[in-house]
Amino acid sequence: MFRLKNRWKPVRRGYTGPMNIQEAILPEGRRIRVSPTLSREARQRLKWMDYYLAHGQNARLTCRHFGISSATFYRWWHRFRPRRLESLEDDCRTRRPRRVRQPQSPPELVARLRALREQYPRWGKLKLVVLLRRDGWTVSASTVGRTLTRLRRIGQLREPPVVRAAHHRRRRPRPRPYAQRLVKGYPIRAPGDLVEVDTTFLSILKARRVHFTARDVVSRKDVVCAYDRASSHSAARFLREELPRLGFPIRALQIDGGSEFKAGFEAACQAAGIVLFVLPPRSPKLNGHVERAHRTYQEEFYDLVELPESLAEHNVLLRRHEDLYNNVRPHQALGFLAPNEYLHQFYSR
């Protein structure tokens, strides 16, 4: 084919005109674009895509081969357009909205807030709100907090070095020496595969006690005990002295991030060879079985029994109710069997 006045004409026999071929035409009628000049980064990303397509679209294999994260790979894979290789280039255009919300606080209020904060650098937004209201300003604590953050970001707030260091310091969670997150797909088939353990606090006259509960996820069997302190020593005692009453070997425990389940308790689990799973922060729903056990003991025991002042007598009454729960009380999730009845049927299969 040849081009004549912006039109494509077929080449016929005997044509002796100019053959200035600029583009080739595919049989489907699509034109092949000349490859653009890519940057070094874009050429590397193109290698990712070629490797991914050549190896059965195995993203995990591709990420391991090139040493990249799956999030990085999928971000560029979703942007990749095979007919527009420039899609692999870095997008330098800003995504900032054209119109952004501007602060609505009056300059007089901002100046007064800055003066109060510099006068009382250790007072937070709740205390500063009270002072502002005494001066006749109607403002919320969240507005004060946002204003202080903005003033600190643009450098208009003078604070002592110790206060500035506290704001720049990030609280990083300390790594657990033994506990780990629950593995996805962890099999829970038999009693003891996963036992959830948690605590709840009690107020008895002027004393404060902690109630430990362990519930097996499969059989719903419980072990409970009360202590006078929520410490890792108490949790380790609960592990060594009380949990054997379950009557079957424990493969793994699941706990929250409470301080009582660290230090000595974690070391005791490691010494006993029990896998220890720790929940993410603010996730009580992932420990739902033992959380439901807390409600059961609150409604069926603590709301109905007058607790004695003696901790030993408290545990005697609690043990009686534990036996009632495990041997007599029908459990709806077990087909209205008691937990020990369910265990007898389970091991009789």
Protein backbone atom coordinates (compact mmCIF):
# COMPACT_ATOMS: atom_id res chain seq x y z
CA MET A 1 0.00 0.00 0.00
CA PHE A 2 1.10 3.57 -0.55
CA ARG A 3 -0.05 6.90 0.82
CA LEU A 4 -1.51 9.52 -1.52
CA LYS A 5 -3.03 12.72 -0.18
CA ASN A 6 -3.63 11.33 3.31
CA ARG A 7 -5.30 8.26 1.85
CA TRP A 8 -4.08 4.70 1.64
CA LYS A 9 -4.18 3.13 -1.84
CA PRO A 10 -3.42 -0.49 -2.74
CA VAL A 11 -0.30 -1.06 -4.84
CA ARG A 12 -1.33 -2.37 -8.23
CA ARG A 13 0.66 -4.12 -10.89
CA GLY A 14 2.85 -1.80 -12.88
CA TYR A 15 3.03 0.98 -10.28
CA THR A 16 6.31 2.90 -10.56
CA GLY A 17 5.59 5.75 -8.13
CA PRO A 18 7.42 6.57 -4.90
CA MET A 19 7.48 3.88 -2.23
CA ASN A 20 7.71 6.00 0.93
CA ILE A 21 6.35 3.45 3.43
CA GLN A 22 5.73 5.06 6.79
CA GLU A 23 3.55 2.53 8.63
CA ALA A 24 2.58 -1.10 8.20
CA ILE A 25 -1.03 -2.26 8.26
CA LEU A 26 -2.07 -5.40 10.10
CA PRO A 27 -4.61 -7.76 8.51
CA GLU A 28 -7.14 -6.74 11.19
CA GLY A 29 -6.74 -3.12 10.12
CA ARG A 30 -4.63 -1.95 13.13
CA ARG A 31 -1.40 -0.02 12.76
CA ILE A 32 1.82 -0.96 14.52
CA ARG A 33 3.23 1.92 16.49
CA VAL A 34 6.94 2.46 16.62
CA SER A 35 8.27 1.65 20.12
CA PRO A 36 8.86 4.84 22.10
CA THR A 37 12.10 5.65 23.85
CA LEU A 38 11.61 4.32 27.38
CA SER A 39 13.53 5.27 30.46
CA ARG A 40 15.66 2.76 32.29
CA GLU A 41 12.98 2.27 34.96
CA ALA A 42 10.26 1.69 32.37
CA ARG A 43 12.42 -0.84 30.51
CA GLN A 44 12.90 -2.71 33.78
CA ARG A 45 9.15 -2.75 34.39
CA LEU A 46 8.64 -4.02 30.85
CA LYS A 47 10.91 -6.95 31.74
CA TRP A 48 8.59 -7.69 34.66
CA MET A 49 5.63 -7.90 32.34
CA ASP A 50 7.46 -10.05 29.76
CA TYR A 51 8.62 -12.46 32.46
CA TYR A 52 5.12 -12.57 33.98
CA LEU A 53 3.47 -13.42 30.65
CA ALA A 54 6.17 -15.91 29.69
CA HIS A 55 5.84 -17.89 32.91
CA GLY A 56 2.13 -18.56 33.02
CA GLN A 57 1.22 -15.25 34.69
CA ASN A 58 2.76 -16.38 37.97
CA ALA A 59 2.98 -13.17 39.98
CA ARG A 60 4.70 -14.72 42.99
CA LEU A 61 7.43 -16.22 40.80
CA THR A 62 7.90 -12.87 39.06
CA CYS A 63 8.21 -10.98 42.35
CA ARG A 64 10.78 -13.45 43.67
CA HIS A 65 12.76 -13.35 40.42
CA PHE A 66 13.06 -9.55 40.36
CA GLY A 67 13.04 -8.99 44.12
CA ILE A 68 9.97 -6.75 44.21
CA SER A 69 6.84 -6.74 46.35
CA SER A 70 3.53 -8.03 45.07
CA ALA A 71 1.92 -4.62 45.70
CA THR A 72 4.49 -2.93 43.45
CA PHE A 73 4.06 -5.49 40.72
CA TYR A 74 0.26 -5.38 40.68
CA ARG A 75 0.24 -1.59 40.71
CA TRP A 76 2.26 -1.50 37.50
CA TRP A 77 0.44 -4.48 36.00
CA HIS A 78 -2.88 -2.67 36.31
CA ARG A 79 -1.35 0.43 34.67
CA PHE A 80 0.33 -1.53 31.88
CA ARG A 81 -1.09 -1.11 28.38
CA PRO A 82 0.60 -3.35 25.78
CA ARG A 83 -0.10 -0.90 22.94
CA ARG A 84 1.08 2.09 24.97
CA LEU A 85 4.39 1.29 26.58
CA GLU A 86 4.58 4.81 28.01
CA SER A 87 2.13 3.55 30.64
CA LEU A 88 5.17 2.08 32.43
CA GLU A 89 6.74 5.48 32.89
CA ASP A 90 6.56 7.31 36.21
CA ASP A 91 3.58 9.61 36.40
CA CYS A 92 5.00 12.95 37.45
CA ARG A 93 1.67 14.71 37.34
CA THR A 94 0.23 15.73 40.69
CA ARG A 95 -3.01 14.19 41.93
CA ARG A 96 -3.71 16.99 44.34
CA PRO A 97 -7.25 18.36 43.98
CA ARG A 98 -7.54 21.77 42.42
CA ARG A 99 -9.61 22.99 45.31
CA VAL A 100 -8.65 21.92 48.81
CA ARG A 101 -10.31 22.76 52.08
CA GLN A 102 -8.84 25.83 53.73
CA PRO A 103 -8.75 26.43 57.50
CA GLN A 104 -11.83 28.31 58.69
CA SER A 105 -10.51 29.37 62.11
CA PRO A 106 -10.26 33.15 62.55
CA PRO A 107 -6.70 34.52 62.76
CA GLU A 108 -7.44 35.93 66.21
CA LEU A 109 -8.37 32.45 67.47
CA VAL A 110 -5.23 30.94 65.97
CA ALA A 111 -3.06 33.62 67.56
CA ARG A 112 -4.68 33.10 70.98
CA LEU A 113 -4.29 29.32 70.69
CA ARG A 114 -0.63 29.67 69.73
CA ALA A 115 -0.01 31.93 72.72
CA LEU A 116 -1.70 29.49 75.13
CA ARG A 117 0.18 26.52 73.74
CA GLU A 118 3.53 28.29 74.01
CA GLN A 119 2.67 29.32 77.56
CA TYR A 120 1.55 25.79 78.55
CA PRO A 121 3.47 23.46 76.19
CA ARG A 122 2.47 20.29 78.05
CA TRP A 123 -1.27 20.94 78.03
CA GLY A 124 -3.28 19.08 75.43
CA LYS A 125 -6.20 20.14 73.29
CA LEU A 126 -8.84 19.27 75.91
CA LYS A 127 -7.35 21.66 78.46
CA LEU A 128 -6.70 24.37 75.87
CA VAL A 129 -10.35 24.19 74.76
CA VAL A 130 -11.44 25.08 78.30
CA LEU A 131 -9.12 28.08 78.37
CA LEU A 132 -10.38 29.27 74.98
CA ARG A 133 -13.98 28.97 76.10
CA ARG A 134 -13.18 31.06 79.14
CA ASP A 135 -12.00 33.72 76.70
CA GLY A 136 -15.33 33.54 74.86
CA TRP A 137 -14.32 31.34 71.90
CA THR A 138 -16.64 28.56 70.74
CA VAL A 139 -14.38 25.85 69.37
CA SER A 140 -14.13 22.06 69.49
CA ALA A 141 -11.21 19.96 70.70
CA SER A 142 -10.71 18.43 67.24
CA THR A 143 -10.37 21.92 65.70
CA VAL A 144 -7.77 22.81 68.31
CA GLY A 145 -5.87 19.62 67.58
CA ARG A 146 -5.87 20.20 63.82
CA THR A 147 -4.79 23.82 64.27
CA LEU A 148 -1.88 22.83 66.50
CA THR A 149 -0.79 20.20 63.99
CA ARG A 150 -0.89 22.73 61.16
CA LEU A 151 1.05 25.33 63.14
CA ARG A 152 3.66 22.75 64.05
CA ARG A 153 3.97 21.60 60.42
CA ILE A 154 4.55 25.10 59.03
CA GLY A 155 6.95 26.02 61.83
CA GLN A 156 4.86 28.71 63.54
CA LEU A 157 4.70 27.00 66.94
CA ARG A 158 7.59 27.39 69.37
CA GLU A 159 7.87 24.39 71.66
CA PRO A 160 10.59 23.13 74.03
CA PRO A 161 12.93 20.51 72.53
CA VAL A 162 11.55 17.75 74.74
CA VAL A 163 8.03 18.39 73.41
CA ARG A 164 9.20 18.47 69.79
CA ALA A 165 11.09 15.21 70.29
CA ALA A 166 7.98 13.57 71.74
CA HIS A 167 5.98 14.47 68.61
CA HIS A 168 8.65 13.17 66.24
CA ARG A 169 9.14 9.98 68.18
CA ARG A 170 7.03 7.15 66.82
CA ARG A 171 5.88 4.40 69.08
CA ARG A 172 6.93 1.19 67.43
CA PRO A 173 5.58 -2.12 68.73
CA ARG A 174 8.24 -4.29 70.21
CA PRO A 175 8.73 -7.58 68.38
CA ARG A 176 7.47 -10.64 70.23
CA PRO A 177 10.21 -13.20 70.84
CA TYR A 178 7.92 -16.21 70.33
CA ALA A 179 4.33 -15.22 69.58
CA GLN A 180 3.24 -14.83 65.96
CA ARG A 181 0.18 -13.95 63.90
CA LEU A 182 -2.31 -16.71 63.18
CA VAL A 183 -1.27 -18.37 59.94
CA LYS A 184 -3.88 -18.16 57.17
CA GLY A 185 -5.36 -21.57 56.55
CA TYR A 186 -4.26 -22.95 59.92
CA PRO A 187 -6.21 -26.24 60.29
CA ILE A 188 -8.57 -26.53 63.26
CA ARG A 189 -10.06 -30.02 63.22
CA ALA A 190 -9.53 -31.66 66.62
CA PRO A 191 -9.77 -30.55 70.24
CA GLY A 192 -6.62 -28.74 71.27
CA ASP A 193 -5.77 -27.44 67.81
CA LEU A 194 -6.61 -23.93 69.00
CA VAL A 195 -7.46 -22.76 72.52
CA GLU A 196 -8.39 -19.10 73.04
CA VAL A 197 -7.27 -17.48 76.30
CA ASP A 198 -8.38 -14.09 77.62
CA THR A 199 -8.91 -12.14 80.84
CA THR A 200 -11.60 -9.94 82.29
CA PHE A 201 -11.42 -7.76 85.40
CA LEU A 202 -13.71 -7.97 88.44
CA SER A 203 -14.37 -5.51 91.26
CA ILE A 204 -15.20 -7.22 94.55
CA LEU A 205 -15.74 -4.72 97.37
CA LYS A 206 -12.42 -2.88 97.44
CA ALA A 207 -10.43 -5.63 95.77
CA ARG A 208 -9.75 -6.02 92.06
CA ARG A 209 -9.38 -9.49 90.61
CA VAL A 210 -8.72 -10.88 87.16
CA HIS A 211 -10.69 -13.78 85.69
CA PHE A 212 -8.76 -16.05 83.28
CA THR A 213 -10.72 -18.09 80.74
CA ALA A 214 -9.48 -20.68 78.26
CA ARG A 215 -11.92 -22.12 75.72
CA ASP A 216 -11.22 -24.85 73.19
CA VAL A 217 -12.54 -23.80 69.79
CA VAL A 218 -13.66 -27.30 68.72
CA SER A 219 -15.20 -28.77 71.89
CA ARG A 220 -16.10 -25.46 73.62
CA LYS A 221 -14.67 -26.88 76.86
CA ASP A 222 -13.65 -24.22 79.37
CA VAL A 223 -11.06 -23.84 82.09
CA VAL A 224 -11.40 -20.82 84.39
CA CYS A 225 -9.57 -19.41 87.39
CA ALA A 226 -9.35 -16.10 89.26
CA TYR A 227 -6.18 -14.34 90.41
CA ASP A 228 -5.47 -11.18 92.31
CA ARG A 229 -3.12 -9.73 89.68
CA ALA A 230 -3.10 -9.58 85.87
CA SER A 231 0.58 -10.37 85.48
CA SER A 232 2.59 -12.68 83.26
CA HIS A 233 3.37 -14.71 86.39
CA SER A 234 -0.37 -15.31 86.94
CA ALA A 235 -0.81 -16.21 83.26
CA ALA A 236 2.10 -18.67 83.43
CA ARG A 237 0.57 -20.28 86.53
CA PHE A 238 -2.75 -20.57 84.69
CA LEU A 239 -0.94 -22.30 81.83
CA ARG A 240 0.92 -24.77 84.05
CA GLU A 241 -1.64 -25.49 86.78
CA GLU A 242 -5.10 -25.01 85.24
CA LEU A 243 -4.98 -25.77 81.51
CA PRO A 244 -4.17 -29.50 82.03
CA ARG A 245 -7.80 -29.84 83.18
CA LEU A 246 -8.82 -29.68 79.53
CA GLY A 247 -7.84 -33.34 79.30
CA PHE A 248 -6.22 -33.27 75.85
CA PRO A 249 -2.91 -31.98 74.46
CA ILE A 250 -2.85 -28.34 73.43
CA ARG A 251 -1.35 -27.61 70.06
CA ALA A 252 -1.77 -23.81 69.94
CA LEU A 253 -3.03 -20.91 72.05
CA GLN A 254 -4.49 -17.63 70.82
CA ILE A 255 -4.20 -14.49 72.93
CA ASP A 256 -4.55 -10.73 72.60
CA GLY A 257 -1.72 -8.26 73.07
CA GLY A 258 -2.22 -7.77 76.82
CA SER A 259 0.84 -7.39 79.01
CA GLU A 260 -0.16 -10.43 81.06
CA PHE A 261 0.51 -12.62 78.02
CA LYS A 262 4.09 -11.49 77.55
CA ALA A 263 7.42 -12.19 79.28
CA GLY A 264 6.95 -15.18 81.60
CA PHE A 265 3.83 -16.48 79.87
CA GLU A 266 5.46 -16.39 76.46
CA ALA A 267 8.53 -18.16 77.81
CA ALA A 268 6.34 -20.82 79.43
CA CYS A 269 4.56 -21.50 76.14
CA GLN A 270 7.86 -21.82 74.33
CA ALA A 271 9.19 -24.20 76.99
CA ALA A 272 6.04 -26.33 76.71
CA GLY A 273 6.23 -26.44 72.92
CA ILE A 274 2.84 -24.75 72.47
CA VAL A 275 2.43 -22.52 69.43
CA LEU A 276 1.37 -19.03 70.48
CA PHE A 277 -0.73 -16.83 68.18
CA VAL A 278 -1.24 -13.16 69.06
CA LEU A 279 -4.13 -11.10 67.67
CA PRO A 280 -3.72 -7.81 65.82
CA PRO A 281 -4.51 -4.68 67.84
CA ARG A 282 -8.19 -3.87 68.46
CA SER A 283 -9.47 -7.19 67.10
CA PRO A 284 -11.53 -8.87 69.87
CA LYS A 285 -13.85 -10.34 67.25
CA LEU A 286 -11.05 -12.70 66.23
CA ASN A 287 -11.19 -14.16 69.75
CA GLY A 288 -14.95 -14.57 69.61
CA HIS A 289 -15.23 -17.92 71.39
CA VAL A 290 -13.57 -16.82 74.60
CA GLU A 291 -15.26 -13.41 74.44
CA ARG A 292 -18.59 -15.25 74.40
CA ALA A 293 -17.38 -17.30 77.36
CA HIS A 294 -16.87 -14.07 79.34
CA ARG A 295 -20.50 -13.17 78.73
CA THR A 296 -21.65 -16.66 79.76
CA TYR A 297 -19.81 -16.54 83.08
CA GLN A 298 -20.97 -12.98 83.71
CA GLU A 299 -24.65 -13.80 83.14
CA GLU A 300 -24.77 -17.30 84.65
CA PHE A 301 -22.29 -16.97 87.50
CA TYR A 302 -21.20 -13.48 88.55
CA ASP A 303 -24.68 -11.95 88.20
CA LEU A 304 -26.22 -14.70 90.37
CA VAL A 305 -23.57 -15.57 92.96
CA GLU A 306 -22.46 -13.41 95.87
CA LEU A 307 -18.71 -13.63 95.77
CA PRO A 308 -16.74 -14.02 98.98
CA GLU A 309 -13.83 -11.81 99.94
CA SER A 310 -11.47 -14.79 99.98
CA LEU A 311 -9.84 -15.57 96.65
CA ALA A 312 -9.63 -19.27 97.52
CA GLU A 313 -13.40 -19.48 98.18
CA HIS A 314 -14.00 -17.54 94.97
CA ASN A 315 -12.10 -20.19 92.98
CA VAL A 316 -14.00 -23.02 94.73
CA LEU A 317 -17.32 -21.59 93.55
CA LEU A 318 -15.88 -20.88 90.11
CA ARG A 319 -14.65 -24.49 89.79
CA ARG A 320 -18.12 -25.80 90.60
CA HIS A 321 -19.63 -23.68 87.85
CA GLU A 322 -16.91 -24.81 85.45
CA ASP A 323 -17.89 -28.45 86.12
CA LEU A 324 -21.55 -27.54 85.59
CA TYR A 325 -20.74 -25.91 82.26
CA ASN A 326 -18.53 -28.73 80.96
CA ASN A 327 -20.71 -31.67 82.08
CA VAL A 328 -24.36 -30.54 82.37
CA ARG A 329 -25.10 -27.34 80.44
CA PRO A 330 -26.30 -28.09 76.85
CA HIS A 331 -24.36 -26.13 74.26
CA GLN A 332 -26.27 -25.07 71.17
CA ALA A 333 -23.20 -25.03 68.90
CA LEU A 334 -22.55 -28.69 69.84
CA GLY A 335 -26.05 -29.93 69.00
CA PHE A 336 -27.17 -29.34 72.60
CA LEU A 337 -24.48 -31.59 74.01
CA ALA A 338 -22.31 -30.68 76.96
CA PRO A 339 -18.64 -30.18 76.04
CA ASN A 340 -17.50 -33.41 77.73
CA GLU A 341 -20.32 -35.32 75.99
CA TYR A 342 -19.11 -33.94 72.68
CA LEU A 343 -15.53 -34.99 73.49
CA HIS A 344 -16.70 -38.52 74.30
CA GLN A 345 -18.46 -38.79 70.94
CA PHE A 346 -15.51 -37.22 69.11
CA TYR A 347 -12.99 -39.73 70.44
CA SER A 348 -15.43 -42.62 69.93
CA ARG A 349 -15.61 -42.15 66.18
